[in-house]
Amino acid sequence: MVSMNAVLLVSFLLFSIGIIGVLIRRNALVILMCVELMLNAANLNFIAFARHSGSVSGQAFALLVMGFAAAEVAVGLALVVALYRKRDTVQVDDINLLKG
């Protein structure tokens, strides 16, 4: 059986990699993948605390977050494809559609 500290450490590392990826990378697809990595780290925390406390509420929250993540991927990828068709790039620095 894996200890709670080990699971929380792995979750912290996953979340940190996701934050660093969002802050450093400029490719919209990589940023979306890093956001997914952060959501998976939160799911790992939910499930670890649910297992520790003996309830299923954390697992229910993790399932809810998975649903939100699927919706976020669908909308995010649709936006990235639309921006690529309009600007021929997925680099965040090159996209300035909202500038007046």
N, C-alpha and C. Protein backbone atom coordinates (compact mmCIF):
# COMPACT_ATOMS: atom_id res chain seq x y z
N MET A 1 0.84 -1.18 0.00
CA MET A 1 0.00 0.00 0.00
C MET A 1 0.88 1.24 0.00
N VAL A 2 0.54 2.19 -0.82
CA VAL A 2 1.31 3.42 -0.96
C VAL A 2 0.85 4.41 0.11
N SER A 3 1.82 5.08 0.71
CA SER A 3 1.46 6.03 1.77
C SER A 3 0.84 7.30 1.19
N MET A 4 0.13 8.00 2.06
CA MET A 4 -0.53 9.24 1.64
C MET A 4 0.50 10.31 1.26
N ASN A 5 1.62 10.34 1.95
CA ASN A 5 2.65 11.33 1.64
C ASN A 5 3.22 11.12 0.24
N ALA A 6 3.41 9.88 -0.15
CA ALA A 6 3.94 9.60 -1.48
C ALA A 6 2.96 10.04 -2.56
N VAL A 7 1.68 9.78 -2.34
CA VAL A 7 0.67 10.18 -3.33
C VAL A 7 0.59 11.70 -3.42
N LEU A 8 0.65 12.38 -2.29
CA LEU A 8 0.60 13.84 -2.31
C LEU A 8 1.85 14.44 -2.95
N LEU A 9 2.99 13.79 -2.78
CA LEU A 9 4.21 14.26 -3.42
C LEU A 9 4.12 14.11 -4.94
N VAL A 10 3.62 12.99 -5.40
CA VAL A 10 3.44 12.80 -6.85
C VAL A 10 2.45 13.82 -7.40
N SER A 11 1.37 14.06 -6.68
CA SER A 11 0.38 15.04 -7.10
C SER A 11 0.99 16.44 -7.16
N PHE A 12 1.80 16.78 -6.16
CA PHE A 12 2.45 18.09 -6.15
C PHE A 12 3.40 18.23 -7.34
N LEU A 13 4.14 17.18 -7.65
CA LEU A 13 5.06 17.23 -8.78
C LEU A 13 4.31 17.38 -10.11
N LEU A 14 3.21 16.64 -10.27
CA LEU A 14 2.40 16.77 -11.48
C LEU A 14 1.83 18.18 -11.63
N PHE A 15 1.32 18.72 -10.52
CA PHE A 15 0.74 20.06 -10.57
C PHE A 15 1.82 21.09 -10.87
N SER A 16 3.00 20.92 -10.29
CA SER A 16 4.10 21.86 -10.53
C SER A 16 4.55 21.82 -11.99
N ILE A 17 4.64 20.63 -12.57
CA ILE A 17 5.00 20.52 -13.98
C ILE A 17 3.95 21.21 -14.85
N GLY A 18 2.69 21.05 -14.49
CA GLY A 18 1.61 21.71 -15.23
C GLY A 18 1.69 23.23 -15.14
N ILE A 19 1.93 23.76 -13.95
CA ILE A 19 2.05 25.21 -13.77
C ILE A 19 3.23 25.76 -14.57
N ILE A 20 4.36 25.07 -14.47
CA ILE A 20 5.55 25.52 -15.20
C ILE A 20 5.29 25.48 -16.71
N GLY A 21 4.62 24.45 -17.17
CA GLY A 21 4.30 24.35 -18.59
C GLY A 21 3.38 25.46 -19.07
N VAL A 22 2.40 25.81 -18.26
CA VAL A 22 1.49 26.90 -18.64
C VAL A 22 2.23 28.23 -18.68
N LEU A 23 3.12 28.44 -17.73
CA LEU A 23 3.82 29.72 -17.66
C LEU A 23 4.93 29.86 -18.69
N ILE A 24 5.58 28.77 -19.07
CA ILE A 24 6.75 28.85 -19.95
C ILE A 24 6.39 28.65 -21.42
N ARG A 25 5.56 27.68 -21.72
CA ARG A 25 5.29 27.32 -23.11
C ARG A 25 4.41 28.36 -23.79
N ARG A 26 4.56 28.47 -25.11
CA ARG A 26 3.78 29.41 -25.89
C ARG A 26 2.90 28.73 -26.94
N ASN A 27 2.92 27.42 -26.99
CA ASN A 27 2.08 26.67 -27.92
C ASN A 27 0.75 26.40 -27.23
N ALA A 28 -0.36 26.73 -27.90
CA ALA A 28 -1.68 26.60 -27.29
C ALA A 28 -2.02 25.14 -26.96
N LEU A 29 -1.58 24.21 -27.80
CA LEU A 29 -1.87 22.80 -27.52
C LEU A 29 -1.11 22.30 -26.30
N VAL A 30 0.13 22.73 -26.14
CA VAL A 30 0.91 22.33 -24.97
C VAL A 30 0.33 22.94 -23.72
N ILE A 31 -0.16 24.16 -23.81
CA ILE A 31 -0.80 24.80 -22.65
C ILE A 31 -2.04 24.02 -22.24
N LEU A 32 -2.84 23.58 -23.21
CA LEU A 32 -4.02 22.77 -22.89
C LEU A 32 -3.63 21.45 -22.23
N MET A 33 -2.55 20.84 -22.70
CA MET A 33 -2.10 19.59 -22.09
C MET A 33 -1.61 19.82 -20.66
N CYS A 34 -0.99 20.96 -20.41
CA CYS A 34 -0.52 21.26 -19.06
C CYS A 34 -1.69 21.53 -18.11
N VAL A 35 -2.75 22.15 -18.62
CA VAL A 35 -3.95 22.34 -17.81
C VAL A 35 -4.56 20.99 -17.46
N GLU A 36 -4.58 20.07 -18.41
CA GLU A 36 -5.07 18.72 -18.14
C GLU A 36 -4.21 18.02 -17.10
N LEU A 37 -2.93 18.24 -17.15
CA LEU A 37 -2.03 17.65 -16.15
C LEU A 37 -2.35 18.18 -14.76
N MET A 38 -2.65 19.47 -14.66
CA MET A 38 -3.01 20.06 -13.36
C MET A 38 -4.34 19.49 -12.86
N LEU A 39 -5.30 19.29 -13.76
CA LEU A 39 -6.57 18.70 -13.36
C LEU A 39 -6.39 17.26 -12.89
N ASN A 40 -5.52 16.52 -13.54
CA ASN A 40 -5.25 15.15 -13.10
C ASN A 40 -4.56 15.12 -11.74
N ALA A 41 -3.72 16.09 -11.45
CA ALA A 41 -3.09 16.17 -10.13
C ALA A 41 -4.16 16.44 -9.06
N ALA A 42 -5.13 17.30 -9.38
CA ALA A 42 -6.21 17.55 -8.44
C ALA A 42 -7.06 16.30 -8.24
N ASN A 43 -7.30 15.56 -9.32
CA ASN A 43 -8.04 14.29 -9.19
C ASN A 43 -7.31 13.30 -8.31
N LEU A 44 -6.01 13.25 -8.44
CA LEU A 44 -5.22 12.36 -7.60
C LEU A 44 -5.35 12.74 -6.13
N ASN A 45 -5.36 14.03 -5.84
CA ASN A 45 -5.58 14.50 -4.46
C ASN A 45 -6.97 14.12 -3.96
N PHE A 46 -7.98 14.33 -4.78
CA PHE A 46 -9.34 13.98 -4.37
C PHE A 46 -9.45 12.50 -4.02
N ILE A 47 -8.90 11.66 -4.86
CA ILE A 47 -9.01 10.22 -4.63
C ILE A 47 -8.17 9.79 -3.43
N ALA A 48 -6.99 10.40 -3.25
CA ALA A 48 -6.16 10.05 -2.10
C ALA A 48 -6.84 10.42 -0.79
N PHE A 49 -7.42 11.60 -0.72
CA PHE A 49 -8.10 12.01 0.51
C PHE A 49 -9.38 11.21 0.74
N ALA A 50 -10.07 10.83 -0.33
CA ALA A 50 -11.26 9.99 -0.17
C ALA A 50 -10.88 8.62 0.36
N ARG A 51 -9.78 8.08 -0.14
CA ARG A 51 -9.34 6.78 0.35
C ARG A 51 -8.89 6.87 1.80
N HIS A 52 -8.25 7.97 2.15
CA HIS A 52 -7.77 8.15 3.52
C HIS A 52 -8.93 8.29 4.51
N SER A 53 -9.96 9.01 4.10
CA SER A 53 -11.09 9.24 5.00
C SER A 53 -12.13 8.12 4.95
N GLY A 54 -12.08 7.28 3.92
CA GLY A 54 -13.02 6.17 3.83
C GLY A 54 -14.35 6.53 3.20
N SER A 55 -14.45 7.68 2.57
CA SER A 55 -15.71 8.08 1.92
C SER A 55 -15.53 8.04 0.41
N VAL A 56 -16.63 8.19 -0.29
CA VAL A 56 -16.59 8.19 -1.75
C VAL A 56 -16.80 9.59 -2.33
N SER A 57 -16.87 10.60 -1.49
CA SER A 57 -17.12 11.94 -2.00
C SER A 57 -15.96 12.45 -2.86
N GLY A 58 -14.74 12.12 -2.50
CA GLY A 58 -13.59 12.54 -3.30
C GLY A 58 -13.60 11.89 -4.67
N GLN A 59 -14.03 10.63 -4.72
CA GLN A 59 -14.12 9.96 -6.01
C GLN A 59 -15.22 10.57 -6.87
N ALA A 60 -16.30 11.00 -6.25
CA ALA A 60 -17.37 11.66 -6.99
C ALA A 60 -16.89 13.00 -7.55
N PHE A 61 -16.13 13.75 -6.75
CA PHE A 61 -15.57 15.01 -7.23
C PHE A 61 -14.58 14.76 -8.38
N ALA A 62 -13.79 13.71 -8.27
CA ALA A 62 -12.84 13.39 -9.34
C ALA A 62 -13.58 13.06 -10.63
N LEU A 63 -14.68 12.34 -10.53
CA LEU A 63 -15.47 12.03 -11.71
C LEU A 63 -16.07 13.30 -12.31
N LEU A 64 -16.49 14.22 -11.47
CA LEU A 64 -17.01 15.50 -11.94
C LEU A 64 -15.92 16.31 -12.64
N VAL A 65 -14.73 16.32 -12.08
CA VAL A 65 -13.61 17.05 -12.70
C VAL A 65 -13.25 16.42 -14.03
N MET A 66 -13.34 15.10 -14.15
CA MET A 66 -13.07 14.45 -15.43
C MET A 66 -14.07 14.90 -16.50
N GLY A 67 -15.32 15.06 -16.10
CA GLY A 67 -16.32 15.57 -17.04
C GLY A 67 -16.03 16.98 -17.48
N PHE A 68 -15.65 17.84 -16.53
CA PHE A 68 -15.27 19.21 -16.88
C PHE A 68 -14.03 19.23 -17.76
N ALA A 69 -13.09 18.34 -17.50
CA ALA A 69 -11.88 18.28 -18.31
C ALA A 69 -12.20 17.87 -19.74
N ALA A 70 -13.12 16.95 -19.92
CA ALA A 70 -13.51 16.54 -21.26
C ALA A 70 -14.17 17.70 -22.01
N ALA A 71 -15.01 18.45 -21.32
CA ALA A 71 -15.64 19.61 -21.95
C ALA A 71 -14.60 20.68 -22.28
N GLU A 72 -13.64 20.86 -21.39
CA GLU A 72 -12.59 21.86 -21.62
C GLU A 72 -11.74 21.48 -22.82
N VAL A 73 -11.45 20.20 -22.98
CA VAL A 73 -10.67 19.75 -24.13
C VAL A 73 -11.44 19.97 -25.42
N ALA A 74 -12.72 19.67 -25.41
CA ALA A 74 -13.52 19.84 -26.62
C ALA A 74 -13.59 21.30 -27.04
N VAL A 75 -13.87 22.18 -26.09
CA VAL A 75 -13.97 23.61 -26.42
C VAL A 75 -12.59 24.18 -26.75
N GLY A 76 -11.58 23.80 -25.97
CA GLY A 76 -10.23 24.31 -26.21
C GLY A 76 -9.69 23.91 -27.56
N LEU A 77 -9.85 22.63 -27.92
CA LEU A 77 -9.37 22.19 -29.23
C LEU A 77 -10.14 22.83 -30.37
N ALA A 78 -11.43 23.06 -30.19
CA ALA A 78 -12.21 23.75 -31.22
C ALA A 78 -11.70 25.18 -31.41
N LEU A 79 -11.38 25.86 -30.32
CA LEU A 79 -10.83 27.21 -30.42
C LEU A 79 -9.45 27.21 -31.08
N VAL A 80 -8.63 26.25 -30.73
CA VAL A 80 -7.28 26.19 -31.32
C VAL A 80 -7.37 25.91 -32.81
N VAL A 81 -8.26 24.99 -33.22
CA VAL A 81 -8.42 24.70 -34.65
C VAL A 81 -8.95 25.93 -35.39
N ALA A 82 -9.89 26.64 -34.80
CA ALA A 82 -10.42 27.85 -35.44
C ALA A 82 -9.34 28.93 -35.56
N LEU A 83 -8.54 29.09 -34.51
CA LEU A 83 -7.45 30.07 -34.59
C LEU A 83 -6.38 29.67 -35.59
N TYR A 84 -6.12 28.37 -35.69
CA TYR A 84 -5.14 27.92 -36.67
C TYR A 84 -5.62 28.17 -38.10
N ARG A 85 -6.90 27.94 -38.32
CA ARG A 85 -7.44 28.20 -39.66
C ARG A 85 -7.41 29.68 -40.01
N LYS A 86 -7.59 30.52 -39.01
CA LYS A 86 -7.61 31.97 -39.27
C LYS A 86 -6.21 32.56 -39.37
N ARG A 87 -5.29 32.15 -38.49
CA ARG A 87 -3.96 32.76 -38.41
C ARG A 87 -2.81 31.86 -38.85
N ASP A 88 -3.05 30.60 -39.11
CA ASP A 88 -2.02 29.63 -39.49
C ASP A 88 -0.93 29.48 -38.44
N THR A 89 -1.27 29.63 -37.17
CA THR A 89 -0.32 29.42 -36.09
C THR A 89 -1.07 29.05 -34.82
N VAL A 90 -0.40 28.32 -33.94
CA VAL A 90 -0.97 28.03 -32.63
C VAL A 90 -0.10 28.62 -31.52
N GLN A 91 0.83 29.48 -31.91
CA GLN A 91 1.66 30.16 -30.93
C GLN A 91 0.85 31.27 -30.28
N VAL A 92 0.83 31.29 -28.97
CA VAL A 92 0.00 32.23 -28.23
C VAL A 92 0.46 33.66 -28.45
N ASP A 93 1.75 33.87 -28.61
CA ASP A 93 2.28 35.23 -28.80
C ASP A 93 1.85 35.83 -30.14
N ASP A 94 1.61 34.99 -31.13
CA ASP A 94 1.25 35.50 -32.47
C ASP A 94 -0.24 35.75 -32.64
N ILE A 95 -1.03 35.35 -31.68
CA ILE A 95 -2.48 35.50 -31.78
C ILE A 95 -2.88 36.81 -31.10
N ASN A 96 -3.37 37.75 -31.90
CA ASN A 96 -3.78 39.05 -31.37
C ASN A 96 -5.14 39.45 -31.95
N LEU A 97 -6.08 38.53 -31.96
CA LEU A 97 -7.39 38.78 -32.56
C LEU A 97 -8.20 39.81 -31.80
N LEU A 98 -8.00 39.96 -30.51
CA LEU A 98 -8.83 40.86 -29.72
C LEU A 98 -8.24 42.26 -29.62
N LYS A 99 -7.09 42.50 -30.22
CA LYS A 99 -6.53 43.85 -30.18
C LYS A 99 -7.31 44.75 -31.13
N GLY A 100 -7.56 45.99 -30.68
CA GLY A 100 -8.35 46.93 -31.46
C GLY A 100 -7.54 47.56 -32.48
